[in-house]
Amino acid sequence: MNVVKNSHDTICYFKTLTSTNAKAIAKVKTCSGREWIWTEKQTAGRGRRGREWQSAPGNFYASVLQQWQLPKAQLPLFSFVAGLAVHAAITHYIGLNLRLQLKWPNDVILNERKVAGILLEHANQGQKSYLIAGFGVNLKQGPHLSEPIQREIMPGGIEELTGIEIRSHDFLEVLIQKYTAMEKAYNRDGFANVRKQWLASAYRLGENIKCSTATKQFTGKFETINQSGQAVIITKKGLHTISAGDIYFEKQDYAFSD
């Protein structure tokens, strides 16, 4: 392990880890500031809802660990802060001409391919609460999937889609800058401006979607996200809001149902 410190962050580099989020959780007991866990290779990367995150060579894997001193109800809102930071970091390299969008709740889509995902977790140590945000960014290539996936958005890599080569170490430096700026904006202005920025880059806002949560499935139009970060869906029976789950887009319109 190599450790680098600056005025705001500690960066811990590992050649190989099972999971940067798992390592971050293990470091909660000794965390005294904001720490970044960065590795070249993950052997057991994790995505949302217990899914595997396949870690292809040359891609980016890192997590940020920090003490959470705001109300716990605001923790989920940081997935949007983190998403905007990744969006800004990728834009730093590819510019504004390519279609880079944010899919609720925490995916980054480039030209209809998923190029990044974020896993938000929290941990407690005594009376203190900690935020862990994990970042997986396909700098080189998307994983080769051995089994069909339910969603229609296939993975892709930034370099294979654009021809732009990004080194993992360089991306980390840019991401830290963008994350720091977004965190400061959130702490200063609250979620309203974060929400506005997120909606400006929202993937397929206003389109028909299928929603799948732990308890139900329904279809409707993806209207917006509210001040709690929930997806707001208009169905034939009225408004629905979901705070956790999956949304799927199809080319054809869905028949409204509950």
Protein backbone atom coordinates (compact mmCIF):
# COMPACT_ATOMS: atom_id res chain seq x y z
CA MET A 1 0.00 0.00 0.00
CA ASN A 2 1.20 3.51 -0.84
CA VAL A 3 -0.22 6.52 1.01
CA VAL A 4 -0.22 10.10 -0.28
CA LYS A 5 -1.58 13.03 1.72
CA ASN A 6 -2.53 16.55 0.74
CA SER A 7 -4.27 19.31 2.67
CA HIS A 8 -7.70 17.73 2.25
CA ASP A 9 -7.35 14.04 1.43
CA THR A 10 -5.44 10.87 2.10
CA ILE A 11 -5.00 8.65 -0.96
CA CYS A 12 -4.30 4.98 -0.29
CA TYR A 13 -3.12 3.03 -3.35
CA PHE A 14 -3.31 -0.76 -3.63
CA LYS A 15 -2.17 -2.88 -6.55
CA THR A 16 -5.07 -5.32 -6.00
CA LEU A 17 -8.15 -5.36 -3.75
CA THR A 18 -11.25 -7.47 -3.52
CA SER A 19 -13.36 -4.29 -3.40
CA THR A 20 -12.50 -0.65 -2.73
CA ASN A 21 -15.75 -0.20 -0.81
CA ALA A 22 -15.00 -3.21 1.36
CA LYS A 23 -11.55 -1.82 2.10
CA ALA A 24 -13.03 1.59 2.91
CA ILE A 25 -15.49 0.03 5.36
CA ALA A 26 -12.60 -1.81 7.04
CA LYS A 27 -10.76 1.51 7.48
CA VAL A 28 -13.63 3.24 9.30
CA LYS A 29 -12.03 2.60 12.71
CA THR A 30 -8.92 4.60 11.78
CA CYS A 31 -10.46 7.24 9.50
CA SER A 32 -9.63 10.77 10.65
CA GLY A 33 -10.40 12.76 7.49
CA ARG A 34 -11.40 12.14 3.92
CA GLU A 35 -9.68 9.07 2.49
CA TRP A 36 -9.61 7.72 -1.06
CA ILE A 37 -9.03 4.02 -1.65
CA TRP A 38 -7.73 3.40 -5.18
CA THR A 39 -6.69 0.19 -6.87
CA GLU A 40 -5.66 -1.03 -10.31
CA LYS A 41 -7.54 -4.30 -9.96
CA GLN A 42 -10.64 -5.53 -8.12
CA THR A 43 -11.26 -9.24 -7.73
CA ALA A 44 -14.75 -9.01 -6.19
CA GLY A 45 -16.18 -5.63 -7.11
CA ARG A 46 -19.74 -4.89 -6.02
CA GLY A 47 -22.55 -2.94 -7.56
CA ARG A 48 -25.97 -1.91 -6.30
CA ARG A 49 -28.30 -4.42 -4.65
CA GLY A 50 -25.54 -7.00 -4.24
CA ARG A 51 -24.71 -7.28 -7.93
CA GLU A 52 -21.21 -8.06 -9.16
CA TRP A 53 -19.23 -5.22 -10.72
CA GLN A 54 -16.98 -6.78 -13.35
CA SER A 55 -13.53 -5.19 -13.22
CA ALA A 56 -11.85 -5.17 -16.61
CA PRO A 57 -8.11 -4.29 -16.80
CA GLY A 58 -7.27 -0.62 -17.22
CA ASN A 59 -10.51 0.70 -15.80
CA PHE A 60 -10.93 2.89 -12.72
CA TYR A 61 -11.81 1.63 -9.24
CA ALA A 62 -11.86 3.86 -6.17
CA SER A 63 -13.89 4.70 -3.09
CA VAL A 64 -14.03 7.77 -0.88
CA LEU A 65 -14.50 7.44 2.87
CA GLN A 66 -15.46 10.36 5.08
CA GLN A 67 -17.25 11.09 8.31
CA TRP A 68 -20.90 12.07 7.82
CA GLN A 69 -21.97 14.94 10.05
CA LEU A 70 -25.24 15.90 8.35
CA PRO A 71 -28.63 14.28 9.07
CA LYS A 72 -28.67 10.64 7.98
CA ALA A 73 -31.74 11.32 5.83
CA GLN A 74 -29.46 13.28 3.49
CA LEU A 75 -27.08 10.38 2.85
CA PRO A 76 -28.87 9.12 -0.30
CA LEU A 77 -28.60 12.58 -1.85
CA PHE A 78 -24.85 12.15 -2.10
CA SER A 79 -25.30 9.62 -4.90
CA PHE A 80 -26.30 12.62 -7.04
CA VAL A 81 -23.31 14.63 -5.81
CA ALA A 82 -21.05 11.70 -6.67
CA GLY A 83 -22.75 11.19 -10.04
CA LEU A 84 -22.26 14.82 -11.01
CA ALA A 85 -18.60 14.60 -9.96
CA VAL A 86 -18.04 11.60 -12.26
CA HIS A 87 -19.95 13.34 -15.05
CA ALA A 88 -17.73 16.43 -14.66
CA ALA A 89 -14.54 14.35 -14.53
CA ILE A 90 -15.40 12.46 -17.73
CA THR A 91 -16.44 15.72 -19.43
CA HIS A 92 -13.01 17.11 -18.55
CA TYR A 93 -11.54 14.60 -20.99
CA ILE A 94 -14.18 14.14 -23.69
CA GLY A 95 -15.66 17.63 -23.87
CA LEU A 96 -19.28 18.65 -24.30
CA ASN A 97 -19.99 17.40 -27.81
CA LEU A 98 -20.63 13.78 -26.86
CA ARG A 99 -23.85 12.67 -25.19
CA LEU A 100 -22.96 12.01 -21.56
CA GLN A 101 -25.96 11.52 -19.26
CA LEU A 102 -26.93 10.44 -15.75
CA LYS A 103 -29.35 7.55 -15.28
CA TRP A 104 -31.29 7.39 -12.02
CA PRO A 105 -30.11 6.67 -9.48
CA ASN A 106 -26.36 6.31 -10.06
CA ASP A 107 -25.22 5.28 -13.56
CA VAL A 108 -23.37 7.33 -16.16
CA ILE A 109 -24.33 6.75 -19.80
CA LEU A 110 -22.20 7.69 -22.81
CA ASN A 111 -23.75 7.32 -26.25
CA GLU A 112 -26.27 4.76 -24.94
CA ARG A 113 -23.62 2.69 -23.12
CA LYS A 114 -23.09 2.46 -19.38
CA VAL A 115 -19.57 3.67 -18.64
CA ALA A 116 -19.72 4.25 -14.88
CA GLY A 117 -21.59 3.29 -11.74
CA ILE A 118 -21.61 4.44 -8.13
CA LEU A 119 -22.21 2.40 -5.00
CA LEU A 120 -23.18 4.42 -1.92
CA GLU A 121 -22.89 2.80 1.51
CA HIS A 122 -22.64 3.92 5.12
CA ALA A 123 -21.06 2.56 8.28
CA ASN A 124 -21.14 3.43 11.96
CA GLN A 125 -18.30 3.51 14.46
CA GLY A 126 -19.46 4.34 17.94
CA GLN A 127 -21.49 7.52 17.72
CA LYS A 128 -19.98 8.49 14.38
CA SER A 129 -21.47 7.83 10.95
CA TYR A 130 -19.43 7.42 7.77
CA LEU A 131 -20.17 7.74 4.07
CA ILE A 132 -18.54 5.43 1.52
CA ALA A 133 -18.98 6.20 -2.16
CA GLY A 134 -17.53 3.67 -4.59
CA PHE A 135 -16.73 4.58 -8.21
CA GLY A 136 -16.35 2.18 -11.10
CA VAL A 137 -15.52 3.88 -14.39
CA ASN A 138 -14.85 1.99 -17.63
CA LEU A 139 -11.93 4.06 -18.87
CA LYS A 140 -10.83 1.40 -21.34
CA GLN A 141 -13.62 -1.04 -22.06
CA GLY A 142 -16.86 -2.40 -20.77
CA PRO A 143 -16.98 -5.93 -19.36
CA HIS A 144 -17.80 -8.86 -21.62
CA LEU A 145 -21.02 -10.25 -20.24
CA SER A 146 -21.36 -14.03 -20.20
CA GLU A 147 -25.09 -13.91 -19.42
CA PRO A 148 -27.91 -11.73 -20.77
CA ILE A 149 -28.83 -8.79 -18.59
CA GLN A 150 -32.34 -7.60 -17.89
CA ARG A 151 -31.72 -3.95 -18.67
CA GLU A 152 -31.32 -2.77 -22.23
CA ILE A 153 -28.31 -0.50 -21.64
CA MET A 154 -25.14 -2.40 -22.46
CA PRO A 155 -21.80 -1.51 -20.88
CA GLY A 156 -19.11 0.33 -22.78
CA GLY A 157 -15.72 1.92 -22.27
CA ILE A 158 -14.75 5.53 -22.78
CA GLU A 159 -11.69 4.72 -24.89
CA GLU A 160 -13.50 2.18 -27.06
CA LEU A 161 -16.36 4.64 -27.63
CA THR A 162 -14.33 7.81 -28.17
CA GLY A 163 -10.72 6.82 -28.83
CA ILE A 164 -9.66 9.00 -25.90
CA GLU A 165 -7.13 7.36 -23.57
CA ILE A 166 -7.39 8.22 -19.88
CA ARG A 167 -4.95 6.94 -17.30
CA SER A 168 -6.44 5.82 -13.99
CA HIS A 169 -4.09 7.96 -11.89
CA ASP A 170 -4.91 11.08 -13.89
CA PHE A 171 -8.62 10.38 -13.64
CA LEU A 172 -8.35 10.05 -9.86
CA GLU A 173 -6.82 13.53 -9.58
CA VAL A 174 -9.56 15.08 -11.70
CA LEU A 175 -12.31 13.18 -9.89
CA ILE A 176 -11.05 14.37 -6.49
CA GLN A 177 -11.15 17.96 -7.77
CA LYS A 178 -14.68 17.61 -9.13
CA TYR A 179 -15.95 15.74 -6.09
CA THR A 180 -14.51 18.39 -3.76
CA ALA A 181 -16.20 21.15 -5.76
CA MET A 182 -19.55 19.35 -5.81
CA GLU A 183 -19.38 18.60 -2.08
CA LYS A 184 -18.67 22.25 -1.30
CA ALA A 185 -21.60 23.33 -3.47
CA TYR A 186 -23.90 20.86 -1.72
CA ASN A 187 -22.79 21.98 1.75
CA ARG A 188 -23.22 25.62 0.75
CA ASP A 189 -26.44 25.53 -1.29
CA GLY A 190 -28.16 22.30 -0.35
CA PHE A 191 -29.72 19.81 -2.75
CA ALA A 192 -31.72 22.24 -4.90
CA ASN A 193 -28.84 23.21 -7.21
CA VAL A 194 -27.50 19.64 -7.30
CA ARG A 195 -30.97 18.51 -8.38
CA LYS A 196 -31.09 21.18 -11.08
CA GLN A 197 -27.71 20.14 -12.48
CA TRP A 198 -28.59 16.46 -12.35
CA LEU A 199 -31.88 16.99 -14.20
CA ALA A 200 -30.05 18.95 -16.91
CA SER A 201 -28.12 15.76 -17.73
CA ALA A 202 -30.81 13.21 -16.87
CA TYR A 203 -31.06 10.18 -19.12
CA ARG A 204 -34.39 9.93 -20.97
CA LEU A 205 -36.28 12.28 -18.71
CA GLY A 206 -39.95 12.42 -19.71
CA GLU A 207 -39.97 8.96 -21.29
CA ASN A 208 -41.94 5.86 -20.40
CA ILE A 209 -40.19 3.45 -18.05
CA LYS A 210 -40.71 0.23 -16.18
CA CYS A 211 -39.94 0.43 -12.45
CA SER A 212 -38.91 -2.54 -10.35
CA THR A 213 -38.62 -2.25 -6.57
CA ALA A 214 -38.31 -4.83 -3.82
CA THR A 215 -42.09 -4.97 -3.46
CA LYS A 216 -43.69 -4.05 -6.78
CA GLN A 217 -43.38 -3.34 -10.48
CA PHE A 218 -45.21 -0.70 -12.46
CA THR A 219 -44.87 1.43 -15.57
CA GLY A 220 -45.21 5.14 -16.21
CA LYS A 221 -43.47 8.30 -17.34
CA PHE A 222 -40.24 9.39 -15.67
CA GLU A 223 -41.27 12.90 -14.70
CA THR A 224 -38.47 14.21 -12.44
CA ILE A 225 -36.65 13.63 -9.16
CA ASN A 226 -37.98 15.32 -6.05
CA GLN A 227 -36.16 17.13 -3.24
CA SER A 228 -35.49 13.78 -1.56
CA GLY A 229 -33.85 12.35 -4.67
CA GLN A 230 -36.75 9.97 -5.32
CA ALA A 231 -37.76 9.23 -8.90
CA VAL A 232 -41.22 10.65 -9.61
CA ILE A 233 -43.25 8.48 -11.98
CA ILE A 234 -46.61 9.44 -13.51
CA THR A 235 -48.90 6.44 -13.96
CA LYS A 236 -52.51 6.10 -14.99
CA LYS A 237 -53.44 6.03 -11.30
CA GLY A 238 -51.38 9.09 -10.36
CA LEU A 239 -47.92 9.89 -9.07
CA HIS A 240 -45.57 7.28 -7.67
CA THR A 241 -42.23 7.96 -6.02
CA ILE A 242 -39.46 5.41 -5.54
CA SER A 243 -36.33 5.82 -3.47
CA ALA A 244 -34.65 2.51 -4.37
CA GLY A 245 -35.05 0.17 -7.30
CA ASP A 246 -34.33 -0.16 -10.99
CA ILE A 247 -35.80 1.61 -13.97
CA TYR A 248 -35.77 0.23 -17.49
CA PHE A 249 -36.32 1.97 -20.80
CA GLU A 250 -37.69 0.40 -23.94
CA LYS A 251 -38.18 1.65 -27.47
CA GLN A 252 -41.89 0.86 -27.43
CA ASP A 253 -44.38 2.55 -25.11
CA TYR A 254 -45.47 0.69 -22.04
CA ALA A 255 -49.11 0.15 -21.26
CA PHE A 256 -49.76 1.83 -17.92
CA SER A 257 -50.40 -0.64 -15.13
CA ASP A 258 -49.92 -1.08 -11.39
